[in-house]
C-alpha atoms as a PDB file:
ATOM      1  CA  MET A   1     -41.243-101.521 187.055  1.00  0.00           C
ATOM      2  CA  PRO A   2     -38.860-104.307 186.043  1.00  0.00           C
ATOM      3  CA  THR A   3     -35.007-102.721 185.383  1.00  0.00           C
ATOM      4  CA  ALA A   4     -35.192-103.166 181.885  1.00  0.00           C
ATOM      5  CA  ALA A   5     -37.953-101.028 181.491  1.00  0.00           C
ATOM      6  CA  ALA A   6     -36.523 -98.513 184.199  1.00  0.00           C
ATOM      7  CA  TYR A   7     -33.544 -98.576 182.094  1.00  0.00           C
ATOM      8  CA  ILE A   8     -34.959 -98.234 178.620  1.00  0.00           C
ATOM      9  CA  GLY A   9     -37.330 -95.331 179.917  1.00  0.00           C
ATOM     10  CA  ALA A  10     -34.547 -93.741 181.602  1.00  0.00           C
ATOM     11  CA  ALA A  11     -32.835 -93.922 178.590  1.00  0.00           C
ATOM     12  CA  ILE A  12     -35.407 -92.219 176.361  1.00  0.00           C
ATOM     13  CA  ALA A  13     -35.666 -89.854 178.466  1.00  0.00           C
ATOM     14  CA  GLU A  14     -32.497 -88.841 178.917  1.00  0.00           C
ATOM     15  CA  ILE A  15     -31.242 -88.635 174.892  1.00  0.00           C
ATOM     16  CA  ALA A  16     -34.368 -86.636 174.554  1.00  0.00           C
ATOM     17  CA  GLY A  17     -33.669 -84.280 177.150  1.00  0.00           C
ATOM     18  CA  CYS A  18     -29.975 -83.824 176.412  1.00  0.00           C
ATOM     19  CA  TYR A  19     -31.206 -83.750 172.737  1.00  0.00           C
ATOM     20  CA  ALA A  20     -33.484 -80.119 173.755  1.00  0.00           C
ATOM     21  CA  PHE A  21     -30.290 -78.840 174.707  1.00  0.00           C
ATOM     22  CA  TRP A  22     -28.447 -79.741 172.033  1.00  0.00           C
ATOM     23  CA  ALA A  23     -31.301 -78.378 169.743  1.00  0.00           C
ATOM     24  CA  PHE A  24     -31.335 -75.290 171.013  1.00  0.00           C
ATOM     25  CA  PHE A  25     -27.296 -74.457 171.660  1.00  0.00           C
ATOM     26  CA  ARG A  26     -26.480 -76.424 168.090  1.00  0.00           C
ATOM     27  CA  LEU A  27     -29.503 -75.998 166.191  1.00  0.00           C
ATOM     28  CA  ASP A  28     -30.609 -72.755 166.305  1.00  0.00           C
ATOM     29  CA  LYS A  29     -34.106 -74.175 168.302  1.00  0.00           C
ATOM     30  CA  PRO A  30     -36.007 -71.265 170.343  1.00  0.00           C
ATOM     31  CA  ALA A  31     -35.319 -71.279 174.136  1.00  0.00           C
ATOM     32  CA  TRP A  32     -38.329 -72.687 175.211  1.00  0.00           C
ATOM     33  CA  TRP A  33     -37.191 -76.084 173.661  1.00  0.00           C
ATOM     34  CA  LEU A  34     -35.213 -76.165 177.379  1.00  0.00           C
ATOM     35  CA  VAL A  35     -38.229 -76.588 179.347  1.00  0.00           C
ATOM     36  CA  PRO A  36     -39.103 -79.786 178.399  1.00  0.00           C
ATOM     37  CA  GLY A  37     -35.913 -80.811 177.999  1.00  0.00           C
ATOM     38  CA  GLY A  38     -35.515 -80.330 181.851  1.00  0.00           C
ATOM     39  CA  LEU A  39     -38.628 -82.037 182.648  1.00  0.00           C
ATOM     40  CA  SER A  40     -37.254 -85.123 180.395  1.00  0.00           C
ATOM     41  CA  LEU A  41     -33.891 -85.405 182.199  1.00  0.00           C
ATOM     42  CA  ALA A  42     -36.150 -85.026 185.778  1.00  0.00           C
ATOM     43  CA  LEU A  43     -37.789 -87.839 184.553  1.00  0.00           C
ATOM     44  CA  PHE A  44     -34.743 -89.899 183.546  1.00  0.00           C
ATOM     45  CA  ALA A  45     -33.261 -89.137 186.660  1.00  0.00           C
ATOM     46  CA  TRP A  46     -36.488 -90.721 188.862  1.00  0.00           C
ATOM     47  CA  LEU A  47     -36.954 -93.478 186.223  1.00  0.00           C
ATOM     48  CA  LEU A  48     -33.188 -94.671 187.192  1.00  0.00           C
ATOM     49  CA  THR A  49     -33.950 -94.596 190.973  1.00  0.00           C
ATOM     50  CA  LEU A  50     -36.927 -97.756 189.972  1.00  0.00           C
ATOM     51  CA  ALA A  51     -33.424-100.115 188.418  1.00  0.00           C
ATOM     52  CA  ASP A  52     -33.932-102.337 190.816  1.00  0.00           C
ATOM     53  CA  SER A  53     -30.423-102.345 192.598  1.00  0.00           C
ATOM     54  CA  SER A  54     -28.673-102.453 195.823  1.00  0.00           C
ATOM     55  CA  ALA A  55     -26.317 -99.684 194.797  1.00  0.00           C
ATOM     56  CA  ALA A  56     -26.669 -96.301 193.090  1.00  0.00           C
ATOM     57  CA  GLY A  57     -23.365 -97.051 191.327  1.00  0.00           C
ATOM     58  CA  ARG A  58     -24.134-100.359 190.045  1.00  0.00           C
ATOM     59  CA  ALA A  59     -26.970 -99.018 188.830  1.00  0.00           C
ATOM     60  CA  PHE A  60     -25.610 -96.607 186.877  1.00  0.00           C
ATOM     61  CA  ALA A  61     -22.962 -98.822 185.528  1.00  0.00           C
ATOM     62  CA  ALA A  62     -25.283-101.183 184.264  1.00  0.00           C
ATOM     63  CA  TYR A  63     -27.648 -98.341 182.711  1.00  0.00           C
ATOM     64  CA  GLY A  64     -24.180 -97.074 180.514  1.00  0.00           C
ATOM     65  CA  GLY A  65     -24.602 -99.939 178.584  1.00  0.00           C
ATOM     66  CA  VAL A  66     -28.290 -99.466 178.039  1.00  0.00           C
ATOM     67  CA  TYR A  67     -27.370 -95.654 177.451  1.00  0.00           C
ATOM     68  CA  ILE A  68     -25.042 -95.945 174.629  1.00  0.00           C
ATOM     69  CA  ALA A  69     -27.297 -98.346 172.929  1.00  0.00           C
ATOM     70  CA  SER A  70     -30.004 -96.530 173.008  1.00  0.00           C
ATOM     71  CA  SER A  71     -28.447 -93.605 172.142  1.00  0.00           C
ATOM     72  CA  LEU A  72     -27.176 -95.382 168.564  1.00  0.00           C
ATOM     73  CA  ALA A  73     -31.010 -96.228 168.032  1.00  0.00           C
ATOM     74  CA  TRP A  74     -31.628 -92.131 168.630  1.00  0.00           C
ATOM     75  CA  LEU A  75     -28.981 -91.359 166.111  1.00  0.00           C
ATOM     76  CA  TRP A  76     -30.231 -93.816 163.421  1.00  0.00           C
ATOM     77  CA  PHE A  77     -34.682 -93.197 164.086  1.00  0.00           C
ATOM     78  CA  VAL A  78     -33.899 -89.707 165.095  1.00  0.00           C
ATOM     79  CA  GLU A  79     -31.622 -88.008 163.230  1.00  0.00           C
ATOM     80  CA  GLY A  80     -31.794 -90.706 160.354  1.00  0.00           C
ATOM     81  CA  ASN A  81     -28.017 -91.581 160.747  1.00  0.00           C
ATOM     82  CA  ARG A  82     -27.383 -95.281 160.247  1.00  0.00           C
ATOM     83  CA  PRO A  83     -25.347 -96.727 162.995  1.00  0.00           C
ATOM     84  CA  ASP A  84     -22.119 -98.746 161.556  1.00  0.00           C
ATOM     85  CA  ARG A  85     -21.050-101.730 161.678  1.00  0.00           C
ATOM     86  CA  TRP A  86     -18.445 -99.942 164.921  1.00  0.00           C
ATOM     87  CA  ASP A  87     -21.065 -98.956 166.534  1.00  0.00           C
ATOM     88  CA  THR A  88     -23.089-101.691 166.406  1.00  0.00           C
ATOM     89  CA  ILE A  89     -20.328-103.549 167.463  1.00  0.00           C
ATOM     90  CA  GLY A  90     -19.406-100.891 170.715  1.00  0.00           C
ATOM     91  CA  ALA A  91     -23.288-101.428 171.474  1.00  0.00           C
ATOM     92  CA  ALA A  92     -23.133-105.166 171.856  1.00  0.00           C
ATOM     93  CA  ILE A  93     -20.365-104.689 174.137  1.00  0.00           C
ATOM     94  CA  CYS A  94     -21.616-102.272 176.425  1.00  0.00           C
ATOM     95  CA  LEU A  95     -24.377-104.312 176.872  1.00  0.00           C
ATOM     96  CA  VAL A  96     -22.545-107.333 177.522  1.00  0.00           C
ATOM     97  CA  GLY A  97     -20.593-105.385 179.598  1.00  0.00           C
ATOM     98  CA  ALA A  98     -23.956-104.045 181.252  1.00  0.00           C
ATOM     99  CA  ALA A  99     -25.459-107.513 181.478  1.00  0.00           C
ATOM    100  CA  VAL A 100     -22.009-108.868 183.727  1.00  0.00           C
ATOM    101  CA  ILE A 101     -22.456-106.078 185.886  1.00  0.00           C
ATOM    102  CA  LEU A 102     -26.261-106.948 186.668  1.00  0.00           C
ATOM    103  CA  ALA A 103     -26.306-110.457 187.029  1.00  0.00           C
ATOM    104  CA  GLY A 104     -23.216-111.252 188.463  1.00  0.00           C
ATOM    105  CA  PRO A 105     -23.607-113.283 191.659  1.00  0.00           C
ATOM    106  CA  ARG A 106     -22.599-111.021 194.738  1.00  0.00           C
ATOM    107  CA  ALA A 107     -21.768-111.979 198.122  1.00  0.00           C
ATOM    108  CA  ALA A 108     -24.008-111.408 200.792  1.00  0.00           C
ATOM    109  CA  ALA A 109     -23.677-108.145 202.820  1.00  0.00           C
END
């Protein structure tokens, strides 16, 4: 699985899982929402292991940029709250940072 697909899948799974917990604790949804939330978070963790990286910390750091952009997409498409220009600029900066982390030249170990 390409790293981009792993990151996007992981972001969707993480955001959906966290949203299920948010909905239970903040939106008075029933306790059964925690079950798919927990499963979604487990799926997130597994998907993140599929990222092509020799170091977990680097994979997690680069994922952070994708997570931020995906969270704003969730804000817009699921919660119906369109991100403003500052959200968009911030997400773009984070995605550039993620690209630098992923594509930067590495010395042979």
